[in-house]
C-alpha cells in the first residue's frame, strides 16, 4: 500500500504543500489559522499519515534546515556565495540545502515546494524573472524568506543586495575621465530590477557626456554566440573604445571574442567586467572588475533569515552593501 505523503494531505485539504509542511513542523498557534491547522491534522489522521511523525513535528519548533535557491550554481558568483552562506548557516546552527533553478521560474517554484516538503525553517532566494507568483504564495503563507543579490519590484521583502546603480555610475565616470571616443555597455535583455539598476546607473552618467554610447543586450541563453555577433557589428577598432560587461558571464563571453579575434586589451580596446571570477586571471591582461562583498552579504542574509524564523514580520529590512571597483590593467 502506498504510504501517505504531505502532497496527499495538501491535495485533500485544498492547501499548498508549504502550508501542510508548516503545520506539521511548527508549534501550535502562530501564522496558520486554527481552522486550517485542524483541517490539515484531520486529513493527516484520516489517510494514516505516520502518526508519530505528526506528534514529533508538533513538538518541534524548528527543523534547523534552511534552503538556498540560486539562479545558476555554475556561475562563480553563486557558487562562491553559496559556500559563504553555508559557512554562516553552520555557525548559526543551521544545515543548508541548495537548489539551482537555471533561471527557470517553473523550476524555481518546484524547488520552493521541495524545500517545504523537507520542512526547512526558511529560505534564502535569488528570484528569477516571472517568479512573482511563487514569492507571493510564500508571503501569503508567511513563510520566512530573504532575497539575495536580486529583488522584485512592488514586493517588500527582507533582502541583501549591492549598490548596482551607484557602482555602474562610478565605472562610467572612470571611463569618461579616460577620454574614450565610444563606450559599449553589455547587459541582459531583462526586467530583473537589479540588472536594470546597473544599466540605468551607467546610462545616467553617460547621458550628459559627449561620448558615443552603444548598447548590447542579450538573452540568458546562447550568451556567447549573441555577444560575439553583436561585438562584431558594434566594436569599431578605429576609435578609442571601452567595453563594460555587466556580469561575469558576459565578461567571459566578451573576453573570449577578443582573444579569438586577436584584439589586444588594453592596446586595442579597454575592458571592465562585473564580479570576480577565476577566468579573469587566465586572461593575458589583468582585468578591471567589480568585486561584491560576498562574505558580508552571506552573513547578513543568514542573520535576516534567522530573525524572520524567530519572529516573523511582513515588513523586512533590505540591506545594501557597497561593491568595490578594482582597477587593474585593462583600462588605459
Protein backbone atom coordinates (compact mmCIF):
# COMPACT_ATOMS: atom_id res chain seq x y z
CA UNK A 1 0.00 0.00 0.00
CA UNK A 2 1.36 3.44 -0.96
CA UNK A 3 2.47 5.48 2.02
CA UNK A 4 0.55 8.72 2.54
CA UNK A 5 2.57 11.86 1.81
CA UNK A 6 2.46 15.58 2.53
CA UNK A 7 1.33 16.12 -1.06
CA UNK A 8 -1.69 13.89 -0.43
CA UNK A 9 -2.65 15.95 2.62
CA UNK A 10 -2.26 19.20 0.65
CA UNK A 11 -4.42 17.92 -2.22
CA UNK A 12 -7.24 16.69 0.02
CA UNK A 13 -7.17 19.71 2.35
CA UNK A 14 -7.01 22.16 -0.57
CA UNK A 15 -3.91 23.96 0.64
CA UNK A 16 -0.31 24.17 -0.52
CA UNK A 17 2.44 21.73 0.38
CA UNK A 18 4.20 24.59 2.16
CA UNK A 19 1.19 25.14 4.43
CA UNK A 20 0.98 21.44 5.32
CA UNK A 21 4.71 21.33 5.98
CA UNK A 22 4.47 24.40 8.19
CA UNK A 23 1.62 22.97 10.27
CA UNK A 24 3.36 19.63 10.76
CA UNK A 25 6.66 21.24 11.61
CA UNK A 26 5.73 24.15 13.90
CA UNK A 27 4.26 24.72 17.34
CA UNK A 28 0.57 25.34 17.72
CA UNK A 29 -0.86 28.79 17.36
CA UNK A 30 1.00 31.17 15.08
CA UNK A 31 0.68 32.07 11.39
CA UNK A 32 -1.77 29.43 10.07
CA UNK A 33 -5.38 29.78 11.19
CA UNK A 34 -6.69 27.30 13.72
CA UNK A 35 -9.36 26.07 11.29
CA UNK A 36 -6.79 25.37 8.56
CA UNK A 37 -4.48 23.69 11.03
CA UNK A 38 -7.24 21.44 12.38
CA UNK A 39 -8.31 20.51 8.85
CA UNK A 40 -4.76 19.52 7.89
CA UNK A 41 -4.29 17.41 11.00
CA UNK A 42 -7.68 15.75 10.49
CA UNK A 43 -6.81 14.85 6.90
CA UNK A 44 -3.43 13.55 8.01
CA UNK A 45 -5.10 11.32 10.56
CA UNK A 46 -7.76 10.07 8.13
CA UNK A 47 -5.24 8.98 5.49
CA UNK A 48 -2.97 7.43 8.12
CA UNK A 49 -0.09 9.82 7.62
CA UNK A 50 2.53 8.50 10.03
CA UNK A 51 1.09 9.45 13.48
CA UNK A 52 4.41 9.51 15.27
CA UNK A 53 5.79 11.99 12.72
CA UNK A 54 2.86 14.29 13.41
CA UNK A 55 3.46 14.08 17.13
CA UNK A 56 7.16 14.71 16.65
CA UNK A 57 6.54 17.63 14.32
CA UNK A 58 4.14 19.30 16.71
CA UNK A 59 6.72 19.12 19.48
CA UNK A 60 9.48 20.56 17.35
CA UNK A 61 9.80 24.32 16.94
CA UNK A 62 12.45 24.14 14.20
CA UNK A 63 14.00 21.64 11.81
CA UNK A 64 17.26 23.67 11.77
CA UNK A 65 17.25 23.36 7.98
CA UNK A 66 17.25 26.36 5.64
CA UNK A 67 17.06 26.39 1.85
CA UNK A 68 19.02 28.42 -0.68
CA UNK A 69 17.80 28.76 -4.27
CA UNK A 70 20.21 30.41 -6.71
CA UNK A 71 19.69 31.27 -10.35
CA UNK A 72 22.67 29.32 -11.71
CA UNK A 73 25.07 27.38 -9.49
CA UNK A 74 27.57 27.13 -12.38
CA UNK A 75 28.05 30.90 -12.12
CA UNK A 76 31.10 31.65 -9.95
CA UNK A 77 29.21 34.36 -8.10
CA UNK A 78 26.50 31.97 -6.93
CA UNK A 79 28.79 29.05 -6.17
CA UNK A 80 31.03 31.30 -4.07
CA UNK A 81 28.21 32.98 -2.19
CA UNK A 82 26.56 29.59 -1.59
CA UNK A 83 29.75 28.43 0.13
CA UNK A 84 29.79 31.57 2.29
CA UNK A 85 26.10 31.17 3.19
CA UNK A 86 26.71 27.52 4.11
CA UNK A 87 29.54 28.56 6.43
CA UNK A 88 27.41 31.26 8.09
CA UNK A 89 24.43 28.90 8.40
CA UNK A 90 26.54 26.33 10.23
CA UNK A 91 27.78 28.99 12.64
CA UNK A 92 24.16 29.83 13.41
CA UNK A 93 23.22 26.17 13.87
CA UNK A 94 21.51 25.54 10.53
CA UNK A 95 22.13 22.98 7.81
CA UNK A 96 21.84 24.43 4.29
CA UNK A 97 20.02 22.77 1.39
CA UNK A 98 20.96 24.23 -2.01
CA UNK A 99 18.99 24.26 -5.27
CA UNK A 100 19.73 25.85 -8.65
CA UNK A 101 16.78 26.82 -10.85
CA UNK A 102 18.73 27.68 -14.04
CA UNK A 103 16.83 30.99 -14.41
CA UNK A 104 13.62 28.95 -14.86
CA UNK A 105 10.57 30.25 -12.92
CA UNK A 106 8.80 26.86 -13.03
CA UNK A 107 11.84 25.10 -11.58
CA UNK A 108 12.15 27.91 -9.04
CA UNK A 109 8.60 27.22 -7.86
CA UNK A 110 9.14 23.47 -7.69
CA UNK A 111 12.28 23.94 -5.60
CA UNK A 112 10.35 26.03 -3.06
CA UNK A 113 7.79 23.21 -2.85
CA UNK A 114 10.55 20.64 -2.45
CA UNK A 115 12.17 22.63 0.35
CA UNK A 116 8.77 22.98 2.02
CA UNK A 117 8.40 19.20 1.94
CA UNK A 118 11.82 18.96 3.56
CA UNK A 119 10.37 21.21 6.29
CA UNK A 120 13.02 23.91 6.04
CA UNK A 121 12.55 26.71 8.55
CA UNK A 122 13.07 29.38 5.89
CA UNK A 123 14.63 30.13 2.51
CA UNK A 124 17.19 32.48 1.00
CA UNK A 125 16.18 33.18 -2.60
CA UNK A 126 17.65 34.77 -5.71
CA UNK A 127 14.38 35.46 -7.56
CA UNK A 128 14.26 34.85 -11.30
CA UNK A 129 12.13 36.59 -13.91
CA UNK A 130 8.42 35.72 -13.61
CA UNK A 131 8.80 34.24 -10.12
CA UNK A 132 6.40 36.78 -8.56
CA UNK A 133 3.58 34.24 -8.13
CA UNK A 134 5.81 31.86 -6.19
CA UNK A 135 7.14 34.65 -3.98
CA UNK A 136 3.65 35.99 -3.30
CA UNK A 137 2.45 32.50 -2.35
CA UNK A 138 5.24 32.19 0.20
CA UNK A 139 4.38 35.64 1.56
CA UNK A 140 0.69 34.72 1.93
CA UNK A 141 1.72 31.64 3.88
CA UNK A 142 4.03 33.82 5.99
CA UNK A 143 6.95 31.59 5.16
CA UNK A 144 10.27 33.12 6.31
CA UNK A 145 12.14 34.18 3.18
CA UNK A 146 15.01 36.54 2.40
CA UNK A 147 16.23 37.60 -1.05
CA UNK A 148 19.89 37.80 -2.00
CA UNK A 149 21.57 39.61 -4.91
CA UNK A 150 18.20 40.32 -6.51
CA UNK A 151 14.86 41.83 -5.60
CA UNK A 152 11.41 42.16 -7.13
CA UNK A 153 9.59 45.43 -7.73
CA UNK A 154 6.44 46.05 -5.69
CA UNK A 155 7.25 43.17 -3.31
CA UNK A 156 8.61 44.25 0.04
CA UNK A 157 10.89 41.56 1.45
CA UNK A 158 13.94 41.46 3.69
CA UNK A 159 16.96 41.02 1.49
CA UNK A 160 20.60 41.64 0.71
CA UNK A 161 21.95 43.37 -2.38
CA UNK A 162 24.67 45.73 -3.58
CA UNK A 163 24.59 49.32 -4.84
CA UNK A 164 24.19 48.31 -8.51
CA UNK A 165 23.16 51.75 -9.76
CA UNK A 166 25.94 53.62 -7.99
CA UNK A 167 28.76 51.22 -8.87
CA UNK A 168 27.84 51.34 -12.57
CA UNK A 169 27.67 55.12 -12.38
CA UNK A 170 31.16 55.09 -10.84
CA UNK A 171 32.52 52.87 -13.60
CA UNK A 172 31.08 55.11 -16.30
CA UNK A 173 32.62 58.15 -14.59
CA UNK A 174 36.01 56.41 -14.56
CA UNK A 175 35.77 55.61 -18.27
CA UNK A 176 34.65 59.14 -19.16
CA UNK A 177 37.71 60.52 -17.42
CA UNK A 178 39.86 58.40 -19.74
CA UNK A 179 38.52 60.34 -22.77
CA UNK A 180 37.22 57.42 -24.83
CA UNK A 181 35.53 58.06 -28.17
CA UNK A 182 32.95 55.31 -27.59
CA UNK A 183 31.62 53.31 -24.66
CA UNK A 184 29.82 49.98 -25.09
CA UNK A 185 27.52 48.71 -22.35
CA UNK A 186 26.92 44.95 -22.48
CA UNK A 187 23.95 43.69 -20.46
CA UNK A 188 20.88 41.47 -20.50
CA UNK A 189 17.54 41.97 -22.18
CA UNK A 190 15.65 41.53 -18.92
CA UNK A 191 13.16 43.02 -16.49
CA UNK A 192 15.12 41.98 -13.39
CA UNK A 193 15.44 45.20 -11.37
CA UNK A 194 18.99 44.70 -10.11
CA UNK A 195 20.29 44.32 -13.68
CA UNK A 196 18.28 47.31 -14.85
CA UNK A 197 19.82 49.28 -11.97
CA UNK A 198 23.29 48.57 -13.41
CA UNK A 199 22.17 49.70 -16.85
CA UNK A 200 20.39 52.80 -15.55
CA UNK A 201 23.39 53.88 -13.47
CA UNK A 202 25.67 53.65 -16.48
CA UNK A 203 23.17 55.42 -18.74
CA UNK A 204 22.53 58.26 -16.29
CA UNK A 205 26.19 59.20 -16.08
CA UNK A 206 26.77 58.76 -19.82
CA UNK A 207 23.76 60.78 -21.00
CA UNK A 208 25.25 64.15 -20.08
CA UNK A 209 28.57 63.46 -21.81
CA UNK A 210 29.61 63.96 -25.40
CA UNK A 211 30.82 60.37 -25.70
CA UNK A 212 29.01 57.99 -28.06
CA UNK A 213 27.43 55.14 -26.09
CA UNK A 214 26.37 51.86 -27.65
CA UNK A 215 24.38 49.09 -26.01
CA UNK A 216 24.48 45.32 -26.46
CA UNK A 217 21.70 43.36 -24.76
CA UNK A 218 21.46 39.59 -24.81
CA UNK A 219 19.14 36.89 -23.52
CA UNK A 220 20.14 34.49 -20.77
CA UNK A 221 20.67 31.66 -23.24
CA UNK A 222 23.22 31.44 -26.08
CA UNK A 223 25.16 34.26 -24.46
CA UNK A 224 28.46 33.53 -26.18
CA UNK A 225 27.03 33.46 -29.72
CA UNK A 226 24.97 36.61 -29.21
CA UNK A 227 27.83 38.57 -27.66
CA UNK A 228 30.21 37.55 -30.45
CA UNK A 229 27.73 38.55 -33.16
CA UNK A 230 26.98 41.92 -31.57
CA UNK A 231 30.61 42.80 -30.85
CA UNK A 232 31.46 42.01 -34.47
CA UNK A 233 28.84 44.56 -35.55
CA UNK A 234 29.37 47.30 -32.98
CA UNK A 235 33.05 47.30 -31.97
CA UNK A 236 34.89 49.88 -34.07
CA UNK A 237 38.62 49.44 -33.51
CA UNK A 238 39.38 52.68 -35.36
CA UNK A 239 38.05 54.53 -32.31
CA UNK A 240 39.29 54.59 -28.73
CA UNK A 241 36.69 52.32 -27.11
CA UNK A 242 35.91 50.84 -23.68
CA UNK A 243 33.50 47.97 -23.02
CA UNK A 244 31.63 47.44 -19.74
CA UNK A 245 30.42 43.85 -19.30
CA UNK A 246 27.75 43.99 -16.58
CA UNK A 247 28.07 40.36 -15.41
CA UNK A 248 30.85 37.82 -15.18
CA UNK A 249 29.23 35.52 -17.77
CA UNK A 250 29.00 38.40 -20.20
CA UNK A 251 32.60 39.32 -19.41
CA UNK A 252 33.88 35.80 -20.06
CA UNK A 253 32.00 35.63 -23.38
CA UNK A 254 33.34 39.03 -24.43
CA UNK A 255 36.94 38.28 -23.46
CA UNK A 256 36.75 35.07 -25.46
CA UNK A 257 35.70 37.07 -28.52
CA UNK A 258 38.65 39.42 -28.08
CA UNK A 259 41.09 36.50 -27.80
CA UNK A 260 39.59 34.68 -30.80
CA UNK A 261 39.96 37.80 -32.93
CA UNK A 262 43.41 38.77 -31.67
CA UNK A 263 42.09 42.02 -30.23
CA UNK A 264 44.52 43.21 -27.55
CA UNK A 265 43.50 44.65 -24.19
CA UNK A 266 44.07 47.49 -23.44
CA UNK A 267 46.01 48.42 -26.60
CA UNK A 268 43.04 47.95 -28.97
CA UNK A 269 40.12 48.17 -26.54
CA UNK A 270 39.67 48.72 -22.81
CA UNK A 271 37.53 46.42 -20.66
CA UNK A 272 35.72 46.43 -17.30
CA UNK A 273 33.74 43.41 -16.11
CA UNK A 274 31.39 42.65 -13.23
CA UNK A 275 32.16 40.17 -10.45
CA UNK A 276 35.36 38.37 -9.67
CA UNK A 277 35.95 35.02 -11.39
CA UNK A 278 38.94 32.73 -11.86
CA UNK A 279 38.53 33.10 -15.63
CA UNK A 280 39.71 36.72 -15.46
CA UNK A 281 43.06 35.58 -14.09
CA UNK A 282 43.62 33.39 -17.16
CA UNK A 283 43.33 36.40 -19.47
CA UNK A 284 46.67 37.85 -20.64
CA UNK A 285 45.85 41.27 -19.17
CA UNK A 286 44.71 41.87 -15.58
CA UNK A 287 41.02 42.72 -15.95
CA UNK A 288 39.41 45.59 -14.02
CA UNK A 289 36.29 44.30 -12.31
CA UNK A 290 33.59 44.89 -9.71
CA UNK A 291 34.02 42.89 -6.50
CA UNK A 292 30.95 42.12 -4.42
CA UNK A 293 31.38 41.65 -0.63
CA UNK A 294 30.27 38.01 -0.63
CA UNK A 295 31.08 37.16 2.98
CA UNK A 296 29.28 40.22 4.32
CA UNK A 297 26.26 39.55 2.09
CA UNK A 298 26.15 35.91 3.20
CA UNK A 299 26.42 36.84 6.87
CA UNK A 300 23.64 39.40 6.63
CA UNK A 301 21.32 37.10 4.66
CA UNK A 302 21.58 34.35 7.29
CA UNK A 303 21.13 36.91 10.06
CA UNK A 304 17.99 38.33 8.44
CA UNK A 305 16.53 34.87 7.82
CA UNK A 306 17.25 33.72 11.37
CA UNK A 307 15.45 36.82 12.61
CA UNK A 308 12.45 36.04 10.39
CA UNK A 309 12.35 32.44 11.63
CA UNK A 310 12.42 33.53 15.26
CA UNK A 311 10.00 36.44 14.90
CA UNK A 312 8.26 36.68 11.52
CA UNK A 313 7.29 40.14 10.27
CA UNK A 314 5.75 41.13 6.94
CA UNK A 315 7.91 44.24 6.57
CA UNK A 316 11.56 43.40 6.09
CA UNK A 317 14.86 45.22 6.10
CA UNK A 318 16.73 45.39 2.79
CA UNK A 319 20.46 45.68 3.40
CA UNK A 320 22.55 47.28 0.66
CA UNK A 321 26.31 46.76 0.57
CA UNK A 322 28.87 48.77 -1.39
CA UNK A 323 30.65 46.92 -4.17
CA UNK A 324 34.31 47.70 -4.93
CA UNK A 325 35.67 48.77 -8.32
CA UNK A 326 39.03 47.00 -8.59
CA UNK A 327 41.16 48.94 -11.11
CA UNK A 328 43.77 46.84 -12.86
CA UNK A 329 45.46 46.95 -16.27
CA UNK A 330 42.60 46.53 -18.74
CA UNK A 331 41.76 50.24 -18.97
CA UNK A 332 44.10 52.95 -20.26
